[in-house]
C-alpha atoms as a PDB file:
ATOM      1  CA  UNK A   1      -0.082   0.434   0.159  1.00  0.00           C
ATOM      2  CA  UNK A   2       1.512   3.658  -0.890  1.00  0.00           C
ATOM      3  CA  UNK A   3       1.092   6.365   0.977  1.00  0.00           C
ATOM      4  CA  UNK A   4       2.696   9.271  -0.857  1.00  0.00           C
ATOM      5  CA  UNK A   5       0.835  12.356  -1.308  1.00  0.00           C
ATOM      6  CA  UNK A   6       2.044  13.516  -5.103  1.00  0.00           C
ATOM      7  CA  UNK A   7      -0.587  12.567  -7.701  1.00  0.00           C
ATOM      8  CA  UNK A   8      -0.874  12.793 -11.496  1.00  0.00           C
ATOM      9  CA  UNK A   9      -3.115  15.216 -11.891  1.00  0.00           C
ATOM     10  CA  UNK A  10      -1.037  17.459 -14.846  1.00  0.00           C
ATOM     11  CA  UNK A  11      -3.446  18.262 -18.171  1.00  0.00           C
ATOM     12  CA  UNK A  12      -2.333  15.073 -19.958  1.00  0.00           C
ATOM     13  CA  UNK A  13      -3.207  13.085 -16.983  1.00  0.00           C
ATOM     14  CA  UNK A  14      -7.077  14.306 -17.037  1.00  0.00           C
ATOM     15  CA  UNK A  15      -7.141  14.103 -20.773  1.00  0.00           C
ATOM     16  CA  UNK A  16      -5.968  10.600 -20.848  1.00  0.00           C
ATOM     17  CA  UNK A  17      -8.467   9.792 -18.168  1.00  0.00           C
ATOM     18  CA  UNK A  18     -11.677  12.048 -20.162  1.00  0.00           C
ATOM     19  CA  UNK A  19     -10.364   9.920 -23.205  1.00  0.00           C
ATOM     20  CA  UNK A  20     -12.690   7.146 -21.568  1.00  0.00           C
ATOM     21  CA  UNK A  21     -15.276   8.499 -21.621  1.00  0.00           C
ATOM     22  CA  UNK A  22     -18.432   8.146 -24.132  1.00  0.00           C
ATOM     23  CA  UNK A  23     -18.342  12.125 -25.220  1.00  0.00           C
ATOM     24  CA  UNK A  24     -20.817  13.445 -27.705  1.00  0.00           C
ATOM     25  CA  UNK A  25     -19.297  17.290 -27.532  1.00  0.00           C
ATOM     26  CA  UNK A  26     -16.551  17.134 -29.816  1.00  0.00           C
ATOM     27  CA  UNK A  27     -14.101  18.823 -27.333  1.00  0.00           C
ATOM     28  CA  UNK A  28     -11.767  17.318 -24.828  1.00  0.00           C
ATOM     29  CA  UNK A  29     -11.141  21.022 -23.892  1.00  0.00           C
ATOM     30  CA  UNK A  30     -14.491  23.381 -24.260  1.00  0.00           C
ATOM     31  CA  UNK A  31     -17.263  22.573 -22.141  1.00  0.00           C
ATOM     32  CA  UNK A  32     -20.701  23.481 -23.609  1.00  0.00           C
ATOM     33  CA  UNK A  33     -22.849  26.095 -22.726  1.00  0.00           C
ATOM     34  CA  UNK A  34     -25.655  23.496 -22.414  1.00  0.00           C
ATOM     35  CA  UNK A  35     -25.364  20.413 -22.242  1.00  0.00           C
ATOM     36  CA  UNK A  36     -29.128  19.511 -23.128  1.00  0.00           C
ATOM     37  CA  UNK A  37     -29.126  21.957 -26.017  1.00  0.00           C
ATOM     38  CA  UNK A  38     -26.532  19.677 -27.926  1.00  0.00           C
ATOM     39  CA  UNK A  39     -26.804  17.284 -30.244  1.00  0.00           C
ATOM     40  CA  UNK A  40     -26.229  13.527 -28.946  1.00  0.00           C
ATOM     41  CA  UNK A  41     -26.507   9.477 -30.584  1.00  0.00           C
ATOM     42  CA  UNK A  42     -29.992   8.484 -30.719  1.00  0.00           C
ATOM     43  CA  UNK A  43     -31.195   5.134 -29.013  1.00  0.00           C
ATOM     44  CA  UNK A  44     -33.850   3.502 -30.130  1.00  0.00           C
ATOM     45  CA  UNK A  45     -35.944   1.495 -27.608  1.00  0.00           C
ATOM     46  CA  UNK A  46     -38.734  -0.883 -28.598  1.00  0.00           C
ATOM     47  CA  UNK A  47     -39.141  -1.876 -24.630  1.00  0.00           C
ATOM     48  CA  UNK A  48     -39.510   1.814 -23.478  1.00  0.00           C
ATOM     49  CA  UNK A  49     -42.770   3.475 -24.342  1.00  0.00           C
ATOM     50  CA  UNK A  50     -45.047   5.979 -22.605  1.00  0.00           C
ATOM     51  CA  UNK A  51     -44.064   7.693 -19.276  1.00  0.00           C
ATOM     52  CA  UNK A  52     -40.898   6.031 -19.188  1.00  0.00           C
ATOM     53  CA  UNK A  53     -39.482   7.446 -22.752  1.00  0.00           C
ATOM     54  CA  UNK A  54     -36.914  10.334 -21.533  1.00  0.00           C
ATOM     55  CA  UNK A  55     -37.443  11.315 -25.968  1.00  0.00           C
ATOM     56  CA  UNK A  56     -40.104  10.471 -28.334  1.00  0.00           C
ATOM     57  CA  UNK A  57     -42.033   7.605 -29.232  1.00  0.00           C
ATOM     58  CA  UNK A  58     -41.618   6.814 -32.864  1.00  0.00           C
ATOM     59  CA  UNK A  59     -43.237   4.016 -34.596  1.00  0.00           C
ATOM     60  CA  UNK A  60     -43.428   2.317 -30.727  1.00  0.00           C
ATOM     61  CA  UNK A  61     -40.199   2.648 -29.776  1.00  0.00           C
ATOM     62  CA  UNK A  62     -38.597   5.311 -27.735  1.00  0.00           C
ATOM     63  CA  UNK A  63     -35.722   6.916 -29.187  1.00  0.00           C
ATOM     64  CA  UNK A  64     -33.690   9.336 -27.057  1.00  0.00           C
ATOM     65  CA  UNK A  65     -30.299  10.857 -27.087  1.00  0.00           C
ATOM     66  CA  UNK A  66     -26.991   9.792 -24.767  1.00  0.00           C
ATOM     67  CA  UNK A  67     -25.582  13.377 -24.455  1.00  0.00           C
ATOM     68  CA  UNK A  68     -22.430  13.414 -22.498  1.00  0.00           C
ATOM     69  CA  UNK A  69     -19.535  15.937 -22.560  1.00  0.00           C
ATOM     70  CA  UNK A  70     -16.128  15.406 -20.166  1.00  0.00           C
ATOM     71  CA  UNK A  71     -13.097  18.296 -20.423  1.00  0.00           C
ATOM     72  CA  UNK A  72     -10.331  19.014 -18.858  1.00  0.00           C
ATOM     73  CA  UNK A  73      -8.736  22.576 -18.384  1.00  0.00           C
ATOM     74  CA  UNK A  74      -6.282  24.883 -15.797  1.00  0.00           C
ATOM     75  CA  UNK A  75      -7.210  26.934 -13.606  1.00  0.00           C
ATOM     76  CA  UNK A  76      -4.074  28.805 -12.518  1.00  0.00           C
ATOM     77  CA  UNK A  77      -1.789  25.912 -11.858  1.00  0.00           C
ATOM     78  CA  UNK A  78      -4.488  23.435 -10.887  1.00  0.00           C
ATOM     79  CA  UNK A  79      -6.067  21.126 -13.715  1.00  0.00           C
ATOM     80  CA  UNK A  80     -10.244  20.586 -13.328  1.00  0.00           C
ATOM     81  CA  UNK A  81     -11.965  18.478 -14.868  1.00  0.00           C
ATOM     82  CA  UNK A  82     -15.402  19.306 -16.103  1.00  0.00           C
ATOM     83  CA  UNK A  83     -18.503  16.730 -16.233  1.00  0.00           C
ATOM     84  CA  UNK A  84     -21.388  17.412 -18.182  1.00  0.00           C
ATOM     85  CA  UNK A  85     -24.346  14.557 -18.932  1.00  0.00           C
ATOM     86  CA  UNK A  86     -27.932  14.270 -19.757  1.00  0.00           C
ATOM     87  CA  UNK A  87     -27.739  10.736 -17.753  1.00  0.00           C
ATOM     88  CA  UNK A  88     -28.720   9.052 -20.359  1.00  0.00           C
ATOM     89  CA  UNK A  89     -27.245   5.580 -21.640  1.00  0.00           C
ATOM     90  CA  UNK A  90     -25.697   4.120 -24.870  1.00  0.00           C
ATOM     91  CA  UNK A  91     -27.954   1.256 -24.423  1.00  0.00           C
ATOM     92  CA  UNK A  92     -32.185   0.038 -23.614  1.00  0.00           C
ATOM     93  CA  UNK A  93     -32.295  -0.204 -20.389  1.00  0.00           C
ATOM     94  CA  UNK A  94     -35.136  -2.596 -18.773  1.00  0.00           C
ATOM     95  CA  UNK A  95     -36.338   0.042 -15.817  1.00  0.00           C
ATOM     96  CA  UNK A  96     -37.442  -2.260 -12.961  1.00  0.00           C
ATOM     97  CA  UNK A  97     -40.059   0.706 -11.193  1.00  0.00           C
ATOM     98  CA  UNK A  98     -40.084   4.305 -11.528  1.00  0.00           C
ATOM     99  CA  UNK A  99     -39.657   7.376 -14.181  1.00  0.00           C
ATOM    100  CA  UNK A 100     -36.774   7.189 -16.735  1.00  0.00           C
ATOM    101  CA  UNK A 101     -36.005  11.256 -16.847  1.00  0.00           C
ATOM    102  CA  UNK A 102     -33.318  13.469 -19.041  1.00  0.00           C
ATOM    103  CA  UNK A 103     -31.074  14.875 -16.561  1.00  0.00           C
ATOM    104  CA  UNK A 104     -28.919  18.083 -16.345  1.00  0.00           C
ATOM    105  CA  UNK A 105     -25.511  16.796 -14.365  1.00  0.00           C
ATOM    106  CA  UNK A 106     -22.841  19.433 -14.762  1.00  0.00           C
ATOM    107  CA  UNK A 107     -19.860  20.082 -12.090  1.00  0.00           C
ATOM    108  CA  UNK A 108     -16.580  20.699 -12.302  1.00  0.00           C
ATOM    109  CA  UNK A 109     -13.779  19.411  -9.886  1.00  0.00           C
ATOM    110  CA  UNK A 110     -10.024  19.690  -9.069  1.00  0.00           C
ATOM    111  CA  UNK A 111      -8.465  16.437 -11.367  1.00  0.00           C
ATOM    112  CA  UNK A 112      -7.363  13.930  -9.117  1.00  0.00           C
ATOM    113  CA  UNK A 113      -6.105  16.273  -6.337  1.00  0.00           C
ATOM    114  CA  UNK A 114      -3.668  15.158  -4.168  1.00  0.00           C
ATOM    115  CA  UNK A 115      -4.674  13.153  -0.545  1.00  0.00           C
ATOM    116  CA  UNK A 116      -2.312  11.523   2.230  1.00  0.00           C
ATOM    117  CA  UNK A 117      -3.418   8.925   4.165  1.00  0.00           C
ATOM    118  CA  UNK A 118      -1.739  10.518   6.941  1.00  0.00           C
ATOM    119  CA  UNK A 119      -4.617  13.336   6.446  1.00  0.00           C
ATOM    120  CA  UNK A 120      -7.310  11.249   6.047  1.00  0.00           C
ATOM    121  CA  UNK A 121     -10.947  12.905   5.457  1.00  0.00           C
ATOM    122  CA  UNK A 122     -12.842  11.044   7.302  1.00  0.00           C
ATOM    123  CA  UNK A 123     -12.806   9.419  10.458  1.00  0.00           C
ATOM    124  CA  UNK A 124     -14.054   6.039  11.501  1.00  0.00           C
ATOM    125  CA  UNK A 125     -12.297   4.573  14.338  1.00  0.00           C
ATOM    126  CA  UNK A 126     -14.997   3.350  16.098  1.00  0.00           C
ATOM    127  CA  UNK A 127     -18.026   1.820  14.915  1.00  0.00           C
ATOM    128  CA  UNK A 128     -20.867   4.436  15.400  1.00  0.00           C
ATOM    129  CA  UNK A 129     -18.373   7.202  13.052  1.00  0.00           C
ATOM    130  CA  UNK A 130     -18.327   4.388  10.103  1.00  0.00           C
ATOM    131  CA  UNK A 131     -21.966   4.130  10.363  1.00  0.00           C
ATOM    132  CA  UNK A 132     -22.271   7.680  10.461  1.00  0.00           C
ATOM    133  CA  UNK A 133     -20.562   7.874   6.876  1.00  0.00           C
ATOM    134  CA  UNK A 134     -20.958   4.703   5.116  1.00  0.00           C
ATOM    135  CA  UNK A 135     -24.063   4.383   6.514  1.00  0.00           C
ATOM    136  CA  UNK A 136     -25.409   8.008   4.869  1.00  0.00           C
ATOM    137  CA  UNK A 137     -26.946   7.682   1.424  1.00  0.00           C
ATOM    138  CA  UNK A 138     -25.987  11.733   1.830  1.00  0.00           C
ATOM    139  CA  UNK A 139     -22.531  11.542   3.250  1.00  0.00           C
ATOM    140  CA  UNK A 140     -20.822  12.596  -0.362  1.00  0.00           C
ATOM    141  CA  UNK A 141     -23.358  15.774  -1.046  1.00  0.00           C
ATOM    142  CA  UNK A 142     -20.603  17.405  -0.394  1.00  0.00           C
ATOM    143  CA  UNK A 143     -16.870  16.850  -1.613  1.00  0.00           C
ATOM    144  CA  UNK A 144     -14.061  17.698   0.186  1.00  0.00           C
ATOM    145  CA  UNK A 145     -12.588  21.328   0.030  1.00  0.00           C
ATOM    146  CA  UNK A 146      -9.072  20.554  -1.701  1.00  0.00           C
ATOM    147  CA  UNK A 147     -11.454  18.765  -4.203  1.00  0.00           C
ATOM    148  CA  UNK A 148     -13.283  22.427  -4.938  1.00  0.00           C
ATOM    149  CA  UNK A 149     -15.735  21.307  -6.589  1.00  0.00           C
ATOM    150  CA  UNK A 150     -18.705  23.631  -8.135  1.00  0.00           C
ATOM    151  CA  UNK A 151     -21.944  22.569  -9.604  1.00  0.00           C
ATOM    152  CA  UNK A 152     -23.462  24.392 -12.442  1.00  0.00           C
ATOM    153  CA  UNK A 153     -26.296  21.891 -13.791  1.00  0.00           C
ATOM    154  CA  UNK A 154     -29.993  21.876 -12.253  1.00  0.00           C
ATOM    155  CA  UNK A 155     -29.841  18.237 -11.576  1.00  0.00           C
ATOM    156  CA  UNK A 156     -29.639  17.552  -8.164  1.00  0.00           C
ATOM    157  CA  UNK A 157     -26.942  15.834  -7.234  1.00  0.00           C
ATOM    158  CA  UNK A 158     -26.410  15.343  -3.158  1.00  0.00           C
ATOM    159  CA  UNK A 159     -26.939  11.504  -3.403  1.00  0.00           C
ATOM    160  CA  UNK A 160     -24.778  11.359  -6.417  1.00  0.00           C
ATOM    161  CA  UNK A 161     -21.029  10.167  -5.887  1.00  0.00           C
ATOM    162  CA  UNK A 162     -20.071  10.521  -9.208  1.00  0.00           C
ATOM    163  CA  UNK A 163     -20.622   9.664 -12.982  1.00  0.00           C
ATOM    164  CA  UNK A 164     -19.859   6.563 -15.095  1.00  0.00           C
ATOM    165  CA  UNK A 165     -18.301   7.261 -18.346  1.00  0.00           C
ATOM    166  CA  UNK A 166     -21.126   6.281 -20.366  1.00  0.00           C
ATOM    167  CA  UNK A 167     -22.662   9.249 -18.517  1.00  0.00           C
ATOM    168  CA  UNK A 168     -25.075   7.539 -16.115  1.00  0.00           C
ATOM    169  CA  UNK A 169     -25.464   8.757 -13.003  1.00  0.00           C
ATOM    170  CA  UNK A 170     -23.248   6.872  -9.874  1.00  0.00           C
ATOM    171  CA  UNK A 171     -24.975   6.869  -6.749  1.00  0.00           C
ATOM    172  CA  UNK A 172     -24.201   6.754  -3.198  1.00  0.00           C
ATOM    173  CA  UNK A 173     -23.978   2.986  -2.113  1.00  0.00           C
ATOM    174  CA  UNK A 174     -26.381   3.487   0.082  1.00  0.00           C
ATOM    175  CA  UNK A 175     -30.391   2.895  -0.713  1.00  0.00           C
ATOM    176  CA  UNK A 176     -33.320   5.585   0.480  1.00  0.00           C
ATOM    177  CA  UNK A 177     -33.753   3.735   3.940  1.00  0.00           C
ATOM    178  CA  UNK A 178     -29.681   4.049   4.346  1.00  0.00           C
ATOM    179  CA  UNK A 179     -28.932   0.408   4.134  1.00  0.00           C
ATOM    180  CA  UNK A 180     -26.819  -1.629   1.232  1.00  0.00           C
ATOM    181  CA  UNK A 181     -30.054  -1.962  -2.233  1.00  0.00           C
ATOM    182  CA  UNK A 182     -28.730  -5.612  -3.086  1.00  0.00           C
ATOM    183  CA  UNK A 183     -28.139  -7.189   0.377  1.00  0.00           C
ATOM    184  CA  UNK A 184     -29.572  -5.162   3.380  1.00  0.00           C
ATOM    185  CA  UNK A 185     -29.459  -6.252   6.745  1.00  0.00           C
ATOM    186  CA  UNK A 186     -32.758  -5.520   9.098  1.00  0.00           C
ATOM    187  CA  UNK A 187     -35.383  -7.297   7.313  1.00  0.00           C
ATOM    188  CA  UNK A 188     -35.507  -4.669   4.503  1.00  0.00           C
ATOM    189  CA  UNK A 189     -36.379  -5.710   0.933  1.00  0.00           C
ATOM    190  CA  UNK A 190     -33.572  -5.845  -1.482  1.00  0.00           C
ATOM    191  CA  UNK A 191     -34.120  -2.966  -4.377  1.00  0.00           C
ATOM    192  CA  UNK A 192     -34.718  -4.020  -8.253  1.00  0.00           C
ATOM    193  CA  UNK A 193     -32.205  -3.544 -10.658  1.00  0.00           C
ATOM    194  CA  UNK A 194     -31.898  -4.357 -14.821  1.00  0.00           C
ATOM    195  CA  UNK A 195     -29.691  -6.499 -16.369  1.00  0.00           C
ATOM    196  CA  UNK A 196     -27.185  -3.659 -15.789  1.00  0.00           C
ATOM    197  CA  UNK A 197     -27.264  -3.984 -12.238  1.00  0.00           C
ATOM    198  CA  UNK A 198     -29.426  -0.190 -12.519  1.00  0.00           C
ATOM    199  CA  UNK A 199     -32.116   1.632 -11.835  1.00  0.00           C
ATOM    200  CA  UNK A 200     -34.242   4.559 -11.472  1.00  0.00           C
ATOM    201  CA  UNK A 201     -34.805   6.964  -7.893  1.00  0.00           C
ATOM    202  CA  UNK A 202     -38.078   8.423  -7.230  1.00  0.00           C
ATOM    203  CA  UNK A 203     -37.016  11.744  -9.684  1.00  0.00           C
ATOM    204  CA  UNK A 204     -35.852   9.796 -12.404  1.00  0.00           C
ATOM    205  CA  UNK A 205     -31.970   9.267 -11.978  1.00  0.00           C
ATOM    206  CA  UNK A 206     -31.009   6.358 -13.911  1.00  0.00           C
ATOM    207  CA  UNK A 207     -27.867   5.348 -11.614  1.00  0.00           C
ATOM    208  CA  UNK A 208     -25.100   2.281 -10.535  1.00  0.00           C
ATOM    209  CA  UNK A 209     -24.340   1.361  -6.899  1.00  0.00           C
ATOM    210  CA  UNK A 210     -22.283  -1.527  -8.326  1.00  0.00           C
ATOM    211  CA  UNK A 211     -19.668  -1.774 -10.918  1.00  0.00           C
ATOM    212  CA  UNK A 212     -21.281  -2.580 -14.445  1.00  0.00           C
ATOM    213  CA  UNK A 213     -19.684  -3.974 -17.481  1.00  0.00           C
ATOM    214  CA  UNK A 214     -22.905  -1.911 -19.682  1.00  0.00           C
ATOM    215  CA  UNK A 215     -20.502   1.360 -19.486  1.00  0.00           C
ATOM    216  CA  UNK A 216     -17.783  -0.231 -21.376  1.00  0.00           C
ATOM    217  CA  UNK A 217     -19.515  -2.514 -23.823  1.00  0.00           C
ATOM    218  CA  UNK A 218     -22.418  -0.648 -24.442  1.00  0.00           C
ATOM    219  CA  UNK A 219     -25.056  -3.051 -23.782  1.00  0.00           C
ATOM    220  CA  UNK A 220     -27.198  -4.484 -21.345  1.00  0.00           C
ATOM    221  CA  UNK A 221     -26.416  -7.885 -21.490  1.00  0.00           C
ATOM    222  CA  UNK A 222     -26.471  -9.243 -17.781  1.00  0.00           C
ATOM    223  CA  UNK A 223     -22.863 -11.446 -18.598  1.00  0.00           C
ATOM    224  CA  UNK A 224     -20.898  -8.109 -18.363  1.00  0.00           C
ATOM    225  CA  UNK A 225     -21.651  -7.320 -14.505  1.00  0.00           C
ATOM    226  CA  UNK A 226     -18.718  -6.565 -12.462  1.00  0.00           C
ATOM    227  CA  UNK A 227     -17.584  -9.894 -12.525  1.00  0.00           C
ATOM    228  CA  UNK A 228     -17.120 -10.701 -16.155  1.00  0.00           C
ATOM    229  CA  UNK A 229     -14.819  -7.515 -17.035  1.00  0.00           C
ATOM    230  CA  UNK A 230     -13.085 -10.332 -19.275  1.00  0.00           C
ATOM    231  CA  UNK A 231     -11.669  -7.438 -21.757  1.00  0.00           C
ATOM    232  CA  UNK A 232     -10.398  -5.628 -19.428  1.00  0.00           C
ATOM    233  CA  UNK A 233      -8.446  -7.253 -16.872  1.00  0.00           C
ATOM    234  CA  UNK A 234      -6.419  -4.429 -16.289  1.00  0.00           C
ATOM    235  CA  UNK A 235      -6.261  -1.155 -15.074  1.00  0.00           C
ATOM    236  CA  UNK A 236      -9.541   0.695 -16.119  1.00  0.00           C
ATOM    237  CA  UNK A 237     -11.474   3.701 -15.985  1.00  0.00           C
ATOM    238  CA  UNK A 238     -15.152   3.407 -15.360  1.00  0.00           C
ATOM    239  CA  UNK A 239     -15.857   6.781 -13.666  1.00  0.00           C
ATOM    240  CA  UNK A 240     -15.186  10.094 -12.032  1.00  0.00           C
ATOM    241  CA  UNK A 241     -15.952  10.743  -8.571  1.00  0.00           C
ATOM    242  CA  UNK A 242     -17.095  13.938  -7.429  1.00  0.00           C
ATOM    243  CA  UNK A 243     -13.892  14.512  -5.125  1.00  0.00           C
ATOM    244  CA  UNK A 244     -11.877  14.694  -8.864  1.00  0.00           C
ATOM    245  CA  UNK A 245     -10.905  11.186  -8.346  1.00  0.00           C
ATOM    246  CA  UNK A 246     -11.108   8.415 -10.645  1.00  0.00           C
ATOM    247  CA  UNK A 247     -12.901   5.018 -10.456  1.00  0.00           C
ATOM    248  CA  UNK A 248     -11.812   1.875 -11.454  1.00  0.00           C
ATOM    249  CA  UNK A 249     -13.053  -1.550 -12.306  1.00  0.00           C
ATOM    250  CA  UNK A 250     -12.342  -4.585 -10.833  1.00  0.00           C
ATOM    251  CA  UNK A 251      -8.770  -4.795 -12.243  1.00  0.00           C
ATOM    252  CA  UNK A 252      -5.291  -3.557 -11.181  1.00  0.00           C
ATOM    253  CA  UNK A 253      -2.246  -2.698 -13.452  1.00  0.00           C
ATOM    254  CA  UNK A 254      -1.094  -6.073 -12.587  1.00  0.00           C
ATOM    255  CA  UNK A 255      -4.344  -8.230 -14.132  1.00  0.00           C
ATOM    256  CA  UNK A 256      -5.322  -8.623 -10.155  1.00  0.00           C
ATOM    257  CA  UNK A 257      -8.703  -8.184  -9.062  1.00  0.00           C
ATOM    258  CA  UNK A 258      -8.703  -6.651  -6.177  1.00  0.00           C
ATOM    259  CA  UNK A 259     -10.337  -7.503  -3.108  1.00  0.00           C
ATOM    260  CA  UNK A 260      -7.894  -6.015   0.159  1.00  0.00           C
ATOM    261  CA  UNK A 261      -6.222  -2.904   0.734  1.00  0.00           C
ATOM    262  CA  UNK A 262      -8.940  -0.621  -0.111  1.00  0.00           C
ATOM    263  CA  UNK A 263     -10.400   1.650   2.469  1.00  0.00           C
ATOM    264  CA  UNK A 264     -14.626   2.237   3.853  1.00  0.00           C
ATOM    265  CA  UNK A 265     -14.531   4.474   1.266  1.00  0.00           C
ATOM    266  CA  UNK A 266     -13.236   1.579  -1.425  1.00  0.00           C
ATOM    267  CA  UNK A 267     -10.374   3.628  -2.450  1.00  0.00           C
ATOM    268  CA  UNK A 268      -6.673   3.046  -2.185  1.00  0.00           C
ATOM    269  CA  UNK A 269      -3.737   4.428  -3.423  1.00  0.00           C
ATOM    270  CA  UNK A 270      -2.491   1.902  -5.739  1.00  0.00           C
ATOM    271  CA  UNK A 271       0.307   2.858  -7.150  1.00  0.00           C
ATOM    272  CA  UNK A 272       4.158   3.919  -6.177  1.00  0.00           C
ATOM    273  CA  UNK A 273       3.602   7.817  -7.325  1.00  0.00           C
ATOM    274  CA  UNK A 274       0.517   8.903  -5.051  1.00  0.00           C
ATOM    275  CA  UNK A 275      -2.500   8.277  -6.601  1.00  0.00           C
ATOM    276  CA  UNK A 276      -5.614   7.421  -4.946  1.00  0.00           C
ATOM    277  CA  UNK A 277      -8.532   5.909  -6.418  1.00  0.00           C
ATOM    278  CA  UNK A 278     -12.019   3.945  -6.146  1.00  0.00           C
ATOM    279  CA  UNK A 279     -11.993   0.637  -7.262  1.00  0.00           C
ATOM    280  CA  UNK A 280     -15.538  -1.653  -8.495  1.00  0.00           C
ATOM    281  CA  UNK A 281     -15.885  -4.396  -5.847  1.00  0.00           C
ATOM    282  CA  UNK A 282     -18.035  -7.655  -4.913  1.00  0.00           C
ATOM    283  CA  UNK A 283     -17.879  -6.339  -1.499  1.00  0.00           C
ATOM    284  CA  UNK A 284     -19.747  -3.216  -0.036  1.00  0.00           C
ATOM    285  CA  UNK A 285     -19.491  -0.533  -0.939  1.00  0.00           C
ATOM    286  CA  UNK A 286     -18.881  -1.447  -4.080  1.00  0.00           C
ATOM    287  CA  UNK A 287     -17.694   1.645  -6.148  1.00  0.00           C
ATOM    288  CA  UNK A 288     -17.435   4.558  -3.350  1.00  0.00           C
ATOM    289  CA  UNK A 289     -19.278   4.894   0.407  1.00  0.00           C
ATOM    290  CA  UNK A 290     -17.176   7.797   1.096  1.00  0.00           C
ATOM    291  CA  UNK A 291     -14.771   9.878  -0.063  1.00  0.00           C
ATOM    292  CA  UNK A 292     -11.209   9.129   0.986  1.00  0.00           C
ATOM    293  CA  UNK A 293      -8.636   8.256   2.106  1.00  0.00           C
ATOM    294  CA  UNK A 294      -9.283   6.564   5.234  1.00  0.00           C
ATOM    295  CA  UNK A 295      -6.915   4.667   7.110  1.00  0.00           C
ATOM    296  CA  UNK A 296      -7.117   1.015   6.224  1.00  0.00           C
ATOM    297  CA  UNK A 297      -5.939   0.131   9.315  1.00  0.00           C
ATOM    298  CA  UNK A 298      -6.904  -0.656  12.441  1.00  0.00           C
ATOM    299  CA  UNK A 299     -10.841  -1.295  11.514  1.00  0.00           C
ATOM    300  CA  UNK A 300     -12.896   0.059  14.231  1.00  0.00           C
ATOM    301  CA  UNK A 301     -13.996  -2.532  17.117  1.00  0.00           C
ATOM    302  CA  UNK A 302     -16.386  -5.066  16.558  1.00  0.00           C
ATOM    303  CA  UNK A 303     -16.255  -4.357  12.365  1.00  0.00           C
ATOM    304  CA  UNK A 304     -14.619  -8.184  12.042  1.00  0.00           C
ATOM    305  CA  UNK A 305     -11.669  -9.007   9.485  1.00  0.00           C
ATOM    306  CA  UNK A 306     -10.420  -6.538   7.516  1.00  0.00           C
ATOM    307  CA  UNK A 307     -11.992  -3.101   5.918  1.00  0.00           C
ATOM    308  CA  UNK A 308     -13.929  -4.757   3.357  1.00  0.00           C
ATOM    309  CA  UNK A 309     -17.119  -3.795   5.139  1.00  0.00           C
ATOM    310  CA  UNK A 310     -19.054  -7.209   5.480  1.00  0.00           C
ATOM    311  CA  UNK A 311     -21.130  -4.998   8.252  1.00  0.00           C
ATOM    312  CA  UNK A 312     -24.153  -4.277   6.435  1.00  0.00           C
ATOM    313  CA  UNK A 313     -26.012  -0.848   7.433  1.00  0.00           C
ATOM    314  CA  UNK A 314     -29.403  -1.466   9.523  1.00  0.00           C
ATOM    315  CA  UNK A 315     -31.534   1.222   9.062  1.00  0.00           C
ATOM    316  CA  UNK A 316     -32.558   2.997  12.094  1.00  0.00           C
ATOM    317  CA  UNK A 317     -35.993   1.868  11.941  1.00  0.00           C
ATOM    318  CA  UNK A 318     -34.678  -1.817  11.901  1.00  0.00           C
END
């Protein structure tokens, strides 16, 4: 585990990350005035119609546009990354429930800011401290001050943790009851998701809580779940968090699946340079549960072996 604090956050580094996003704006350095007013990529879905269609219904099929712009630029000596998305994917989702809406996601943040394990952003010295951070859907409503996060869009991103490379929102790991949406404790019901392991919340934000291969393949086949990144067994960009740190798939640069070494936020220092990022895992919090870094050890008393959060957040009502 590397803990040095100088990260790769040059303009070239930022542009390299931005190149992984499935953008439609034609520029990597100049943001658009309004992402919703741009021309995107048409997606035609026979399975969506009526109130579930975020576009127009043509001959019984829903036609919507995927719109995404990710740009990098300098402000003084600091490199910024700006994310502008209408929140709609490049594939046809199978919406299990709720409304599917076009969004106006637009925010800028310092790209990959320098952080240090000796100066953690969160303090989880006790179980109650851990629960108050990792078991709170609103814990990522604001980013650390070092990230200089600024929201420009009209969509409320209070429960959003970041944005996937396909423009789909990455939600905080918890559901509205502040519990694990897939393996809830306390007698709560697991949430329904589609074949891309995604769904909509009440205002129509289609989102992921967990790593999904659909973002890479542009397909909604269930075989492209987090366990099936067959062609991406290396360090692979799958998103950006609102704190400016990169979100990666389930493998590191050696082709090894990440199953340990990450902190309670699901992030870790993964190289000798001092880069900190989040990783897709098969354990809670799956992508990111808070903005790190945090001390990997010691784990708060009573949590069991390792910081993989086998703890399942239990709602207050449970």
